[in-house]
Structure formats: C-alpha cells, structure tokens
Amino acid sequence: MTKRENPWIEGLKTIALSAVLALGIRTLVAEARWIPSGSMLPTLQINDRLIIDKVSYRFQDPKRGDVVVFRPTDTLKKQNFKDAFIKRVIGLPGDKVELQDGKVYVNNQPLVEKYLDQGQKTIIDVCHNSNNQSSYYLSKAVTVPSDSYLVLGDNRQSSYDSRCWGLVPRDNIIGKAIVRFWPLNSVGGLNKDPVYPITPE
C-alpha cells in the first residue's frame, strides 16, 4: 500500500506549483495592470484594470493605434521614472510625424483620431523642464528610426509622452492592452473599431 503524503506538505506543494504557474503566466503570457493617471482619457479612466497581452509582439510588430505598456526609456530613467507607461502608438518605424495646427500628421497626411475628446487639439507646450521652460522633442517633424515607436496619450492636454521625451525602443515594449476587466460596467476589448488608415484632408 502506497504511503500517503502529509496533507500539509501536499498543500504546500500545490501552493508552490500554483505560484510558479502564475508567475510564468505573468512573465510570459499576460498580466494585469491598473491605470493610475488621466493621460489616456477618455479611452481609459483612472483606476481601470486591464489585461496586457505579452505574446502577440513576439510574432508581429506593434501597429498604429495599439495601446501599449512599456518600460521607461533611458531618457525617462534619467528623470527618475521607474514605473511602466501606457500610451498609444502613433508613429511606426520609417514614419514622418509632425504637429500642425493642433493635428498630428503622419507622412504628410492628417491622422483621423476618433478616440480623442471632440475638438481636442494636440498641443506641444505640455512639456516643461525643471525650470518650467517649454522643452519638447516633437517641436519639428521627426522621422521614426527602425525598432522605435512614437507614442502619445489620448488626453493631449495632459500627457507626458513622445512630445516631451522622444521615442520608445521596441525592446522596451512589454505588451499590448487588449481587455478592460474593471469596472464591471466597462468590461470589454479595446480598439474594437478601426480608427485608421490615415485619410487625406
């Protein structure tokens, strides 16, 4: 007759295995994130809870319009930022991006951005240095280099994004926000309706 293992040891093994599996899933497949600020309003509200897909970008590149989570760039680290950011991909490798009259232009065409608040303009004077002087990266047209992305928050009046500190290297991108699971009255996928391609004036 097989001797049965001590139930305490059996329970500890089960807990340990569950912890390893959960850690593996969080590290390799998906993880939950919450929204601490209003930089992605109205798309994402403060305290929204999201599932971040960490697998897709192993097989395909980020697309324009994707809402991505990324680790701070070297520039942001120098400013003592340690937590991950969440923004929307606007400029892809090779794109020319510029701001004109409150609109974003990609490859000389205005970007149709239905996710913004009605009438909201994309401004460049949201960026200020430690001396409260205006300081911004996107003050003139920028061509995005390979393996880099230009990102903006949907709340253009209050988002610390590529306008201020530059581009996101591909290696810094953790994953793509795909599902909101909290609050319950807002559960569902993100970016269900296409907002692109760019359309001419």
N, C-alpha and C. Protein backbone atom coordinates (compact mmCIF):
# COMPACT_ATOMS: atom_id res chain seq x y z
N MET A 1 0.84 -1.20 0.00
CA MET A 1 0.00 0.00 0.00
C MET A 1 0.88 1.25 0.00
N THR A 2 0.58 2.17 -0.90
CA THR A 2 1.37 3.40 -1.02
C THR A 2 1.08 4.32 0.14
N LYS A 3 2.16 4.79 0.74
CA LYS A 3 2.01 5.70 1.87
C LYS A 3 1.58 7.07 1.38
N ARG A 4 0.52 7.62 1.96
CA ARG A 4 0.01 8.92 1.54
C ARG A 4 0.86 10.03 2.15
N GLU A 5 1.16 11.04 1.32
CA GLU A 5 1.98 12.16 1.76
C GLU A 5 1.24 13.01 2.79
N ASN A 6 1.99 13.60 3.67
CA ASN A 6 1.44 14.50 4.68
C ASN A 6 0.60 15.58 3.98
N PRO A 7 -0.67 15.79 4.41
CA PRO A 7 -1.54 16.77 3.73
C PRO A 7 -0.97 18.19 3.78
N TRP A 8 -0.21 18.52 4.80
CA TRP A 8 0.41 19.85 4.86
C TRP A 8 1.45 20.02 3.76
N ILE A 9 2.26 18.99 3.59
CA ILE A 9 3.29 19.04 2.54
C ILE A 9 2.64 19.07 1.17
N GLU A 10 1.58 18.26 1.02
CA GLU A 10 0.83 18.23 -0.25
C GLU A 10 0.25 19.60 -0.56
N GLY A 11 -0.30 20.26 0.46
CA GLY A 11 -0.87 21.59 0.28
C GLY A 11 0.18 22.61 -0.09
N LEU A 12 1.35 22.54 0.57
CA LEU A 12 2.43 23.47 0.27
C LEU A 12 2.94 23.29 -1.16
N LYS A 13 3.02 22.05 -1.61
CA LYS A 13 3.46 21.78 -2.99
C LYS A 13 2.46 22.36 -3.99
N THR A 14 1.17 22.20 -3.67
CA THR A 14 0.14 22.74 -4.56
C THR A 14 0.23 24.26 -4.66
N ILE A 15 0.42 24.90 -3.50
CA ILE A 15 0.55 26.36 -3.48
C ILE A 15 1.79 26.80 -4.25
N ALA A 16 2.89 26.08 -4.04
CA ALA A 16 4.14 26.43 -4.73
C ALA A 16 3.98 26.29 -6.24
N LEU A 17 3.35 25.19 -6.67
CA LEU A 17 3.15 24.97 -8.10
C LEU A 17 2.25 26.06 -8.69
N SER A 18 1.20 26.42 -7.96
CA SER A 18 0.29 27.48 -8.42
C SER A 18 1.03 28.81 -8.56
N ALA A 19 1.91 29.09 -7.60
CA ALA A 19 2.67 30.34 -7.63
C ALA A 19 3.61 30.36 -8.82
N VAL A 20 4.27 29.23 -9.08
CA VAL A 20 5.19 29.15 -10.22
C VAL A 20 4.44 29.34 -11.54
N LEU A 21 3.28 28.68 -11.66
CA LEU A 21 2.48 28.82 -12.88
C LEU A 21 1.99 30.25 -13.06
N ALA A 22 1.53 30.87 -11.97
CA ALA A 22 1.04 32.26 -12.04
C ALA A 22 2.16 33.20 -12.45
N LEU A 23 3.35 32.99 -11.87
CA LEU A 23 4.50 33.82 -12.21
C LEU A 23 4.89 33.64 -13.66
N GLY A 24 4.85 32.38 -14.12
CA GLY A 24 5.19 32.10 -15.51
C GLY A 24 4.22 32.77 -16.47
N ILE A 25 2.93 32.70 -16.15
CA ILE A 25 1.92 33.34 -17.00
C ILE A 25 2.13 34.85 -17.02
N ARG A 26 2.37 35.44 -15.84
CA ARG A 26 2.57 36.89 -15.75
C ARG A 26 3.82 37.33 -16.51
N THR A 27 4.86 36.51 -16.45
CA THR A 27 6.12 36.86 -17.09
C THR A 27 6.07 36.68 -18.60
N LEU A 28 5.40 35.62 -19.05
CA LEU A 28 5.50 35.24 -20.46
C LEU A 28 4.23 35.49 -21.27
N VAL A 29 3.07 35.47 -20.66
CA VAL A 29 1.82 35.46 -21.44
C VAL A 29 1.01 36.74 -21.27
N ALA A 30 0.60 37.03 -20.06
CA ALA A 30 -0.28 38.19 -19.83
C ALA A 30 -0.16 38.65 -18.39
N GLU A 31 -0.54 39.88 -18.15
CA GLU A 31 -0.56 40.38 -16.78
C GLU A 31 -1.61 41.47 -16.65
N ALA A 32 -2.01 41.70 -15.43
CA ALA A 32 -3.00 42.74 -15.15
C ALA A 32 -2.28 44.05 -14.82
N ARG A 33 -2.86 45.15 -15.26
CA ARG A 33 -2.32 46.49 -14.95
C ARG A 33 -3.48 47.40 -14.60
N TRP A 34 -3.20 48.43 -13.79
CA TRP A 34 -4.22 49.42 -13.49
C TRP A 34 -3.75 50.78 -13.96
N ILE A 35 -4.70 51.68 -14.21
CA ILE A 35 -4.40 53.00 -14.76
C ILE A 35 -4.34 54.01 -13.63
N PRO A 36 -3.15 54.59 -13.36
CA PRO A 36 -3.01 55.49 -12.22
C PRO A 36 -3.25 56.97 -12.54
N SER A 37 -3.35 57.31 -13.84
CA SER A 37 -3.47 58.73 -14.20
C SER A 37 -4.50 58.93 -15.30
N GLY A 38 -4.74 60.19 -15.63
CA GLY A 38 -5.72 60.52 -16.68
C GLY A 38 -5.10 60.77 -18.03
N SER A 39 -3.89 60.30 -18.28
CA SER A 39 -3.21 60.62 -19.54
C SER A 39 -3.82 59.93 -20.75
N MET A 40 -4.66 58.89 -20.52
CA MET A 40 -5.29 58.19 -21.64
C MET A 40 -6.79 58.43 -21.70
N LEU A 41 -7.27 59.44 -20.99
CA LEU A 41 -8.68 59.81 -21.11
C LEU A 41 -8.99 60.27 -22.53
N PRO A 42 -10.17 60.03 -23.07
CA PRO A 42 -11.31 59.33 -22.45
C PRO A 42 -11.28 57.81 -22.65
N THR A 43 -10.27 57.30 -23.37
CA THR A 43 -10.23 55.87 -23.66
C THR A 43 -10.14 55.04 -22.39
N LEU A 44 -9.23 55.44 -21.50
CA LEU A 44 -9.03 54.73 -20.24
C LEU A 44 -9.23 55.68 -19.08
N GLN A 45 -10.00 55.23 -18.12
CA GLN A 45 -10.29 56.04 -16.94
C GLN A 45 -9.31 55.70 -15.81
N ILE A 46 -9.13 56.64 -14.90
CA ILE A 46 -8.29 56.36 -13.73
C ILE A 46 -8.88 55.18 -12.96
N ASN A 47 -8.00 54.26 -12.58
CA ASN A 47 -8.33 53.03 -11.84
C ASN A 47 -8.93 51.92 -12.69
N ASP A 48 -9.00 52.10 -14.01
CA ASP A 48 -9.37 50.98 -14.87
C ASP A 48 -8.35 49.85 -14.69
N ARG A 49 -8.82 48.61 -14.80
CA ARG A 49 -7.94 47.44 -14.76
C ARG A 49 -7.92 46.79 -16.13
N LEU A 50 -6.70 46.48 -16.60
CA LEU A 50 -6.53 45.96 -17.96
C LEU A 50 -5.74 44.66 -17.95
N ILE A 51 -5.96 43.86 -19.01
CA ILE A 51 -5.11 42.71 -19.28
C ILE A 51 -4.15 43.09 -20.39
N ILE A 52 -2.86 42.87 -20.15
CA ILE A 52 -1.82 43.18 -21.12
C ILE A 52 -1.35 41.90 -21.79
N ASP A 53 -1.49 41.83 -23.10
CA ASP A 53 -1.05 40.68 -23.90
C ASP A 53 0.47 40.81 -24.14
N LYS A 54 1.24 39.84 -23.65
CA LYS A 54 2.69 39.88 -23.76
C LYS A 54 3.23 38.91 -24.81
N VAL A 55 2.31 38.28 -25.56
CA VAL A 55 2.71 37.26 -26.52
C VAL A 55 2.71 37.78 -27.96
N SER A 56 1.69 38.55 -28.32
CA SER A 56 1.48 38.93 -29.72
C SER A 56 2.70 39.55 -30.38
N TYR A 57 3.39 40.43 -29.65
CA TYR A 57 4.51 41.15 -30.25
C TYR A 57 5.75 40.29 -30.45
N ARG A 58 5.68 39.04 -30.03
CA ARG A 58 6.76 38.11 -30.37
C ARG A 58 6.62 37.64 -31.81
N PHE A 59 5.41 37.77 -32.36
CA PHE A 59 5.13 37.27 -33.70
C PHE A 59 4.77 38.37 -34.70
N GLN A 60 4.46 39.55 -34.21
CA GLN A 60 4.12 40.66 -35.09
C GLN A 60 4.55 41.98 -34.47
N ASP A 61 4.70 42.99 -35.30
CA ASP A 61 5.11 44.30 -34.82
C ASP A 61 3.92 45.08 -34.29
N PRO A 62 4.16 46.01 -33.37
CA PRO A 62 3.08 46.91 -32.94
C PRO A 62 2.51 47.66 -34.13
N LYS A 63 1.21 47.94 -34.06
CA LYS A 63 0.53 48.65 -35.14
C LYS A 63 0.11 50.04 -34.66
N ARG A 64 -0.07 50.93 -35.60
CA ARG A 64 -0.57 52.25 -35.27
C ARG A 64 -1.94 52.12 -34.61
N GLY A 65 -2.12 52.78 -33.49
CA GLY A 65 -3.38 52.69 -32.78
C GLY A 65 -3.35 51.75 -31.60
N ASP A 66 -2.37 50.86 -31.55
CA ASP A 66 -2.27 49.95 -30.39
C ASP A 66 -2.00 50.76 -29.12
N VAL A 67 -2.63 50.35 -28.04
CA VAL A 67 -2.35 50.93 -26.72
C VAL A 67 -1.34 49.99 -26.07
N VAL A 68 -0.14 50.51 -25.81
CA VAL A 68 0.95 49.66 -25.34
C VAL A 68 1.45 50.08 -23.96
N VAL A 69 1.97 49.09 -23.24
CA VAL A 69 2.64 49.32 -21.96
C VAL A 69 4.13 49.13 -22.20
N PHE A 70 4.93 50.05 -21.68
CA PHE A 70 6.38 49.95 -21.91
C PHE A 70 7.17 50.42 -20.69
N ARG A 71 8.37 49.88 -20.59
CA ARG A 71 9.29 50.29 -19.53
C ARG A 71 9.85 51.66 -19.84
N PRO A 72 10.21 52.45 -18.83
CA PRO A 72 10.77 53.78 -19.07
C PRO A 72 11.99 53.72 -19.99
N THR A 73 12.08 54.67 -20.90
CA THR A 73 13.25 54.77 -21.77
C THR A 73 14.43 55.31 -20.96
N ASP A 74 15.60 55.33 -21.56
CA ASP A 74 16.79 55.86 -20.87
C ASP A 74 16.58 57.31 -20.45
N THR A 75 15.93 58.09 -21.33
CA THR A 75 15.65 59.49 -21.00
C THR A 75 14.75 59.59 -19.78
N LEU A 76 13.72 58.75 -19.72
CA LEU A 76 12.81 58.77 -18.58
C LEU A 76 13.48 58.28 -17.30
N LYS A 77 14.37 57.31 -17.43
CA LYS A 77 15.10 56.82 -16.26
C LYS A 77 15.95 57.92 -15.65
N LYS A 78 16.54 58.76 -16.51
CA LYS A 78 17.35 59.87 -16.01
C LYS A 78 16.49 60.88 -15.25
N GLN A 79 15.19 60.85 -15.52
CA GLN A 79 14.26 61.74 -14.82
C GLN A 79 13.62 61.02 -13.62
N ASN A 80 14.20 59.87 -13.27
CA ASN A 80 13.77 59.09 -12.10
C ASN A 80 12.41 58.43 -12.25
N PHE A 81 11.98 58.18 -13.48
CA PHE A 81 10.77 57.39 -13.69
C PHE A 81 11.13 55.91 -13.63
N LYS A 82 10.36 55.15 -12.86
CA LYS A 82 10.64 53.73 -12.70
C LYS A 82 9.47 52.85 -13.12
N ASP A 83 8.25 53.37 -13.03
CA ASP A 83 7.07 52.58 -13.35
C ASP A 83 6.80 52.56 -14.85
N ALA A 84 6.10 51.53 -15.30
CA ALA A 84 5.75 51.41 -16.72
C ALA A 84 4.77 52.51 -17.14
N PHE A 85 4.83 52.86 -18.42
CA PHE A 85 3.93 53.84 -19.02
C PHE A 85 2.92 53.12 -19.90
N ILE A 86 1.78 53.78 -20.17
CA ILE A 86 0.82 53.27 -21.14
C ILE A 86 0.42 54.41 -22.06
N LYS A 87 0.61 54.21 -23.36
CA LYS A 87 0.32 55.23 -24.37
C LYS A 87 -0.15 54.55 -25.65
N ARG A 88 -0.51 55.37 -26.63
CA ARG A 88 -0.97 54.84 -27.92
C ARG A 88 0.12 55.01 -28.98
N VAL A 89 0.34 53.96 -29.76
CA VAL A 89 1.32 54.03 -30.84
C VAL A 89 0.79 54.92 -31.96
N ILE A 90 1.58 55.93 -32.30
CA ILE A 90 1.20 56.86 -33.37
C ILE A 90 2.15 56.76 -34.56
N GLY A 91 3.45 56.75 -34.28
CA GLY A 91 4.45 56.69 -35.34
C GLY A 91 5.16 55.36 -35.37
N LEU A 92 5.19 54.72 -36.55
CA LEU A 92 5.87 53.44 -36.74
C LEU A 92 7.25 53.68 -37.35
N PRO A 93 8.14 52.70 -37.32
CA PRO A 93 9.46 52.86 -37.93
C PRO A 93 9.35 53.33 -39.38
N GLY A 94 10.07 54.41 -39.70
CA GLY A 94 10.05 54.96 -41.06
C GLY A 94 9.05 56.08 -41.26
N ASP A 95 8.09 56.25 -40.34
CA ASP A 95 7.09 57.30 -40.45
C ASP A 95 7.70 58.68 -40.18
N LYS A 96 7.19 59.65 -40.90
CA LYS A 96 7.48 61.06 -40.60
C LYS A 96 6.29 61.60 -39.82
N VAL A 97 6.52 62.07 -38.61
CA VAL A 97 5.44 62.56 -37.74
C VAL A 97 5.68 64.02 -37.41
N GLU A 98 4.62 64.82 -37.49
CA GLU A 98 4.73 66.24 -37.12
C GLU A 98 3.38 66.75 -36.62
N LEU A 99 3.42 67.87 -35.94
CA LEU A 99 2.22 68.53 -35.44
C LEU A 99 2.02 69.83 -36.20
N GLN A 100 0.79 70.03 -36.68
CA GLN A 100 0.44 71.26 -37.38
C GLN A 100 -0.96 71.67 -36.97
N ASP A 101 -1.09 72.89 -36.49
CA ASP A 101 -2.40 73.45 -36.14
C ASP A 101 -3.22 72.51 -35.24
N GLY A 102 -2.54 71.90 -34.27
CA GLY A 102 -3.24 71.05 -33.32
C GLY A 102 -3.58 69.67 -33.82
N LYS A 103 -3.10 69.29 -35.00
CA LYS A 103 -3.35 67.96 -35.55
C LYS A 103 -2.04 67.20 -35.71
N VAL A 104 -2.14 65.87 -35.65
CA VAL A 104 -0.99 65.02 -35.90
C VAL A 104 -0.97 64.64 -37.38
N TYR A 105 0.18 64.83 -37.99
CA TYR A 105 0.37 64.44 -39.39
C TYR A 105 1.37 63.30 -39.45
N VAL A 106 1.00 62.25 -40.18
CA VAL A 106 1.90 61.12 -40.40
C VAL A 106 2.11 60.98 -41.89
N ASN A 107 3.36 61.08 -42.31
CA ASN A 107 3.70 61.03 -43.74
C ASN A 107 2.88 62.04 -44.54
N ASN A 108 2.79 63.24 -43.97
CA ASN A 108 2.15 64.41 -44.60
C ASN A 108 0.63 64.32 -44.70
N GLN A 109 0.04 63.36 -44.03
CA GLN A 109 -1.42 63.23 -44.03
C GLN A 109 -1.93 63.37 -42.59
N PRO A 110 -3.05 64.08 -42.40
CA PRO A 110 -3.60 64.21 -41.04
C PRO A 110 -4.14 62.89 -40.52
N LEU A 111 -3.88 62.60 -39.28
CA LEU A 111 -4.32 61.35 -38.67
C LEU A 111 -5.74 61.53 -38.14
N VAL A 112 -6.63 60.63 -38.52
CA VAL A 112 -8.00 60.65 -38.02
C VAL A 112 -8.01 59.95 -36.67
N GLU A 113 -8.34 60.69 -35.61
CA GLU A 113 -8.25 60.15 -34.26
C GLU A 113 -9.61 60.25 -33.56
N LYS A 114 -10.45 59.26 -33.80
CA LYS A 114 -11.81 59.28 -33.28
C LYS A 114 -11.88 59.06 -31.77
N TYR A 115 -10.79 58.59 -31.19
CA TYR A 115 -10.76 58.28 -29.77
C TYR A 115 -10.51 59.51 -28.90
N LEU A 116 -10.17 60.65 -29.51
CA LEU A 116 -9.94 61.87 -28.74
C LEU A 116 -11.25 62.53 -28.36
N ASP A 117 -11.22 63.34 -27.29
CA ASP A 117 -12.38 64.16 -26.97
C ASP A 117 -12.67 65.09 -28.14
N GLN A 118 -13.95 65.32 -28.42
CA GLN A 118 -14.35 66.16 -29.54
C GLN A 118 -13.67 67.53 -29.45
N GLY A 119 -13.01 67.89 -30.54
CA GLY A 119 -12.40 69.22 -30.61
C GLY A 119 -11.07 69.35 -29.90
N GLN A 120 -10.59 68.25 -29.28
CA GLN A 120 -9.31 68.34 -28.57
C GLN A 120 -8.16 68.48 -29.56
N LYS A 121 -7.27 69.39 -29.27
CA LYS A 121 -6.11 69.59 -30.12
C LYS A 121 -4.87 68.95 -29.49
N THR A 122 -3.95 68.56 -30.38
CA THR A 122 -2.68 68.02 -29.90
C THR A 122 -1.72 69.19 -29.76
N ILE A 123 -1.36 69.51 -28.55
CA ILE A 123 -0.50 70.67 -28.32
C ILE A 123 0.91 70.21 -27.97
N ILE A 124 1.86 71.11 -28.12
CA ILE A 124 3.24 70.75 -27.85
C ILE A 124 3.80 71.49 -26.64
N ASP A 125 3.00 72.37 -26.04
CA ASP A 125 3.54 73.12 -24.91
C ASP A 125 3.17 72.49 -23.56
N VAL A 126 2.88 71.17 -23.57
CA VAL A 126 2.62 70.47 -22.30
C VAL A 126 3.92 70.03 -21.65
N CYS A 127 5.02 70.19 -22.35
CA CYS A 127 6.30 69.69 -21.88
C CYS A 127 7.12 70.82 -21.27
N HIS A 128 7.53 70.63 -20.04
CA HIS A 128 8.33 71.65 -19.37
C HIS A 128 9.48 70.99 -18.63
N ASN A 129 10.63 71.66 -18.62
CA ASN A 129 11.77 71.13 -17.89
C ASN A 129 11.73 71.59 -16.43
N SER A 130 12.80 71.30 -15.69
CA SER A 130 12.82 71.61 -14.27
C SER A 130 12.74 73.11 -13.98
N ASN A 131 13.08 73.93 -14.96
CA ASN A 131 12.99 75.38 -14.80
C ASN A 131 11.66 75.93 -15.31
N ASN A 132 10.71 75.00 -15.57
CA ASN A 132 9.39 75.35 -16.07
C ASN A 132 9.43 76.03 -17.44
N GLN A 133 10.48 75.72 -18.19
CA GLN A 133 10.59 76.24 -19.55
C GLN A 133 10.09 75.17 -20.52
N SER A 134 9.43 75.62 -21.57
CA SER A 134 8.90 74.68 -22.54
C SER A 134 10.06 73.90 -23.17
N SER A 135 9.95 72.58 -23.18
CA SER A 135 11.01 71.74 -23.71
C SER A 135 10.37 70.51 -24.34
N TYR A 136 10.44 70.36 -25.66
CA TYR A 136 9.76 69.24 -26.28
C TYR A 136 10.54 68.66 -27.46
N TYR A 137 10.35 67.36 -27.60
CA TYR A 137 11.04 66.60 -28.64
C TYR A 137 10.37 66.79 -29.99
N LEU A 138 9.05 66.87 -29.99
CA LEU A 138 8.29 66.90 -31.25
C LEU A 138 7.98 68.34 -31.69
N SER A 139 8.95 69.22 -31.51
CA SER A 139 8.74 70.61 -31.92
C SER A 139 8.88 70.78 -33.43
N LYS A 140 9.43 69.78 -34.08
CA LYS A 140 9.52 69.78 -35.55
C LYS A 140 9.31 68.36 -36.04
N ALA A 141 9.20 68.19 -37.35
CA ALA A 141 8.95 66.87 -37.90
C ALA A 141 10.03 65.88 -37.49
N VAL A 142 9.61 64.65 -37.16
CA VAL A 142 10.53 63.60 -36.74
C VAL A 142 10.30 62.37 -37.60
N THR A 143 11.39 61.79 -38.09
CA THR A 143 11.30 60.51 -38.79
C THR A 143 11.68 59.41 -37.81
N VAL A 144 10.77 58.48 -37.60
CA VAL A 144 10.97 57.43 -36.59
C VAL A 144 11.98 56.41 -37.11
N PRO A 145 13.06 56.16 -36.38
CA PRO A 145 14.05 55.18 -36.83
C PRO A 145 13.55 53.75 -36.66
N SER A 146 14.31 52.80 -37.19
CA SER A 146 13.93 51.39 -37.08
C SER A 146 13.92 50.95 -35.62
N ASP A 147 13.04 50.01 -35.32
CA ASP A 147 12.91 49.44 -33.97
C ASP A 147 12.56 50.48 -32.92
N SER A 148 11.87 51.54 -33.32
CA SER A 148 11.42 52.58 -32.39
C SER A 148 9.99 52.98 -32.73
N TYR A 149 9.31 53.56 -31.73
CA TYR A 149 7.91 53.96 -31.91
C TYR A 149 7.67 55.30 -31.24
N LEU A 150 6.81 56.10 -31.86
CA LEU A 150 6.40 57.37 -31.29
C LEU A 150 5.03 57.17 -30.67
N VAL A 151 4.89 57.54 -29.41
CA VAL A 151 3.64 57.27 -28.68
C VAL A 151 3.08 58.56 -28.09
N LEU A 152 1.74 58.64 -28.03
CA LEU A 152 1.06 59.78 -27.43
C LEU A 152 -0.06 59.27 -26.53
N GLY A 153 -0.36 60.05 -25.49
CA GLY A 153 -1.53 59.77 -24.69
C GLY A 153 -2.76 60.31 -25.37
N ASP A 154 -3.92 59.72 -25.12
CA ASP A 154 -5.15 60.21 -25.74
C ASP A 154 -5.60 61.54 -25.15
N ASN A 155 -5.20 61.83 -23.94
CA ASN A 155 -5.51 63.11 -23.31
C ASN A 155 -4.39 64.09 -23.65
N ARG A 156 -4.49 64.70 -24.80
CA ARG A 156 -3.39 65.52 -25.32
C ARG A 156 -3.13 66.77 -24.50
N GLN A 157 -4.08 67.15 -23.65
CA GLN A 157 -3.88 68.32 -22.81
C GLN A 157 -3.06 67.98 -21.56
N SER A 158 -2.94 66.69 -21.25
CA SER A 158 -2.28 66.30 -20.01
C SER A 158 -1.68 64.90 -20.13
N SER A 159 -0.66 64.79 -20.97
CA SER A 159 0.01 63.50 -21.13
C SER A 159 1.50 63.74 -21.35
N TYR A 160 2.30 63.09 -20.56
CA TYR A 160 3.75 63.18 -20.69
C TYR A 160 4.17 62.05 -21.62
N ASP A 161 4.42 62.39 -22.89
CA ASP A 161 4.61 61.36 -23.91
C ASP A 161 5.74 61.73 -24.86
N SER A 162 5.73 61.16 -26.08
CA SER A 162 6.83 61.36 -27.02
C SER A 162 7.05 62.82 -27.40
N ARG A 163 6.04 63.65 -27.22
CA ARG A 163 6.24 65.08 -27.48
C ARG A 163 7.32 65.65 -26.58
N CYS A 164 7.45 65.05 -25.41
CA CYS A 164 8.34 65.60 -24.37
C CYS A 164 9.69 64.90 -24.29
N TRP A 165 9.70 63.58 -24.45
CA TRP A 165 10.93 62.84 -24.17
C TRP A 165 11.41 61.93 -25.29
N GLY A 166 10.71 61.87 -26.41
CA GLY A 166 11.24 61.11 -27.55
C GLY A 166 10.57 59.78 -27.81
N LEU A 167 11.33 58.83 -28.31
CA LEU A 167 10.80 57.59 -28.85
C LEU A 167 10.95 56.41 -27.88
N VAL A 168 10.16 55.36 -28.15
CA VAL A 168 10.22 54.14 -27.34
C VAL A 168 10.91 53.05 -28.16
N PRO A 169 12.02 52.51 -27.68
CA PRO A 169 12.64 51.37 -28.37
C PRO A 169 11.73 50.15 -28.31
N ARG A 170 11.77 49.37 -29.36
CA ARG A 170 10.93 48.15 -29.42
C ARG A 170 11.16 47.26 -28.19
N ASP A 171 12.40 47.14 -27.76
CA ASP A 171 12.72 46.26 -26.64
C ASP A 171 12.09 46.72 -25.33
N ASN A 172 11.68 47.97 -25.24
CA ASN A 172 11.07 48.47 -24.00
C ASN A 172 9.58 48.14 -23.89
N ILE A 173 8.97 47.73 -25.01
CA ILE A 173 7.54 47.47 -25.01
C ILE A 173 7.24 46.13 -24.34
N ILE A 174 6.42 46.17 -23.30
CA ILE A 174 6.05 44.98 -22.54
C ILE A 174 4.94 44.21 -23.22
N GLY A 175 3.95 44.94 -23.73
CA GLY A 175 2.83 44.28 -24.38
C GLY A 175 1.73 45.25 -24.76
N LYS A 176 0.64 44.68 -25.22
CA LYS A 176 -0.49 45.45 -25.75
C LYS A 176 -1.70 45.30 -24.83
N ALA A 177 -2.33 46.43 -24.49
CA ALA A 177 -3.56 46.40 -23.70
C ALA A 177 -4.70 45.89 -24.58
N ILE A 178 -5.35 44.82 -24.14
CA ILE A 178 -6.38 44.22 -25.00
C ILE A 178 -7.76 44.19 -24.37
N VAL A 179 -7.84 44.05 -23.05
CA VAL A 179 -9.14 43.89 -22.40
C VAL A 179 -9.18 44.71 -21.12
N ARG A 180 -10.31 45.39 -20.91
CA ARG A 180 -10.57 46.05 -19.62
C ARG A 180 -11.49 45.12 -18.83
N PHE A 181 -11.06 44.75 -17.60
CA PHE A 181 -11.89 43.84 -16.80
C PHE A 181 -12.49 44.51 -15.57
N TRP A 182 -12.16 45.78 -15.37
CA TRP A 182 -12.75 46.54 -14.27
C TRP A 182 -12.73 48.01 -14.63
N PRO A 183 -13.80 48.75 -14.34
CA PRO A 183 -15.02 48.36 -13.63
C PRO A 183 -15.93 47.48 -14.48
N LEU A 184 -16.86 46.81 -13.82
CA LEU A 184 -17.70 45.83 -14.50
C LEU A 184 -18.55 46.45 -15.59
N ASN A 185 -18.95 47.72 -15.42
CA ASN A 185 -19.79 48.34 -16.46
C ASN A 185 -19.00 48.77 -17.69
N SER A 186 -17.68 48.56 -17.67
CA SER A 186 -16.85 48.93 -18.83
C SER A 186 -16.04 47.75 -19.35
N VAL A 187 -16.41 46.53 -18.93
CA VAL A 187 -15.67 45.34 -19.36
C VAL A 187 -15.74 45.19 -20.87
N GLY A 188 -14.60 44.87 -21.48
CA GLY A 188 -14.59 44.63 -22.92
C GLY A 188 -13.24 44.92 -23.53
N GLY A 189 -13.14 44.64 -24.83
CA GLY A 189 -11.88 44.85 -25.54
C GLY A 189 -11.64 46.31 -25.85
N LEU A 190 -10.38 46.63 -26.13
CA LEU A 190 -10.01 47.98 -26.52
C LEU A 190 -9.81 48.03 -28.03
N ASN A 191 -10.02 49.21 -28.59
CA ASN A 191 -9.79 49.43 -30.03
C ASN A 191 -10.58 48.46 -30.91
N LYS A 192 -11.84 48.25 -30.54
CA LYS A 192 -12.65 47.32 -31.33
C LYS A 192 -12.99 47.89 -32.70
N ASP A 193 -13.13 49.21 -32.78
CA ASP A 193 -13.46 49.85 -34.06
C ASP A 193 -12.19 50.42 -34.69
N PRO A 194 -11.98 50.18 -35.97
CA PRO A 194 -10.77 50.72 -36.62
C PRO A 194 -10.79 52.25 -36.62
N VAL A 195 -9.65 52.85 -36.34
CA VAL A 195 -9.57 54.31 -36.34
C VAL A 195 -8.65 54.81 -37.43
N TYR A 196 -8.09 53.91 -38.19
CA TYR A 196 -7.19 54.23 -39.28
C TYR A 196 -7.69 53.50 -40.52
N PRO A 197 -7.20 53.70 -41.68
CA PRO A 197 -5.94 54.37 -42.00
C PRO A 197 -6.03 55.89 -41.99
N ILE A 198 -4.90 56.49 -42.25
CA ILE A 198 -4.85 57.94 -42.36
C ILE A 198 -5.67 58.34 -43.58
N THR A 199 -6.44 59.38 -43.47
CA THR A 199 -7.23 59.85 -44.60
C THR A 199 -6.80 61.24 -45.00
N PRO A 200 -6.85 61.56 -46.28
CA PRO A 200 -6.46 62.89 -46.73
C PRO A 200 -7.44 63.95 -46.28
N GLU A 201 -7.01 65.21 -46.29
CA GLU A 201 -7.89 66.32 -45.91
C GLU A 201 -9.00 66.47 -46.95
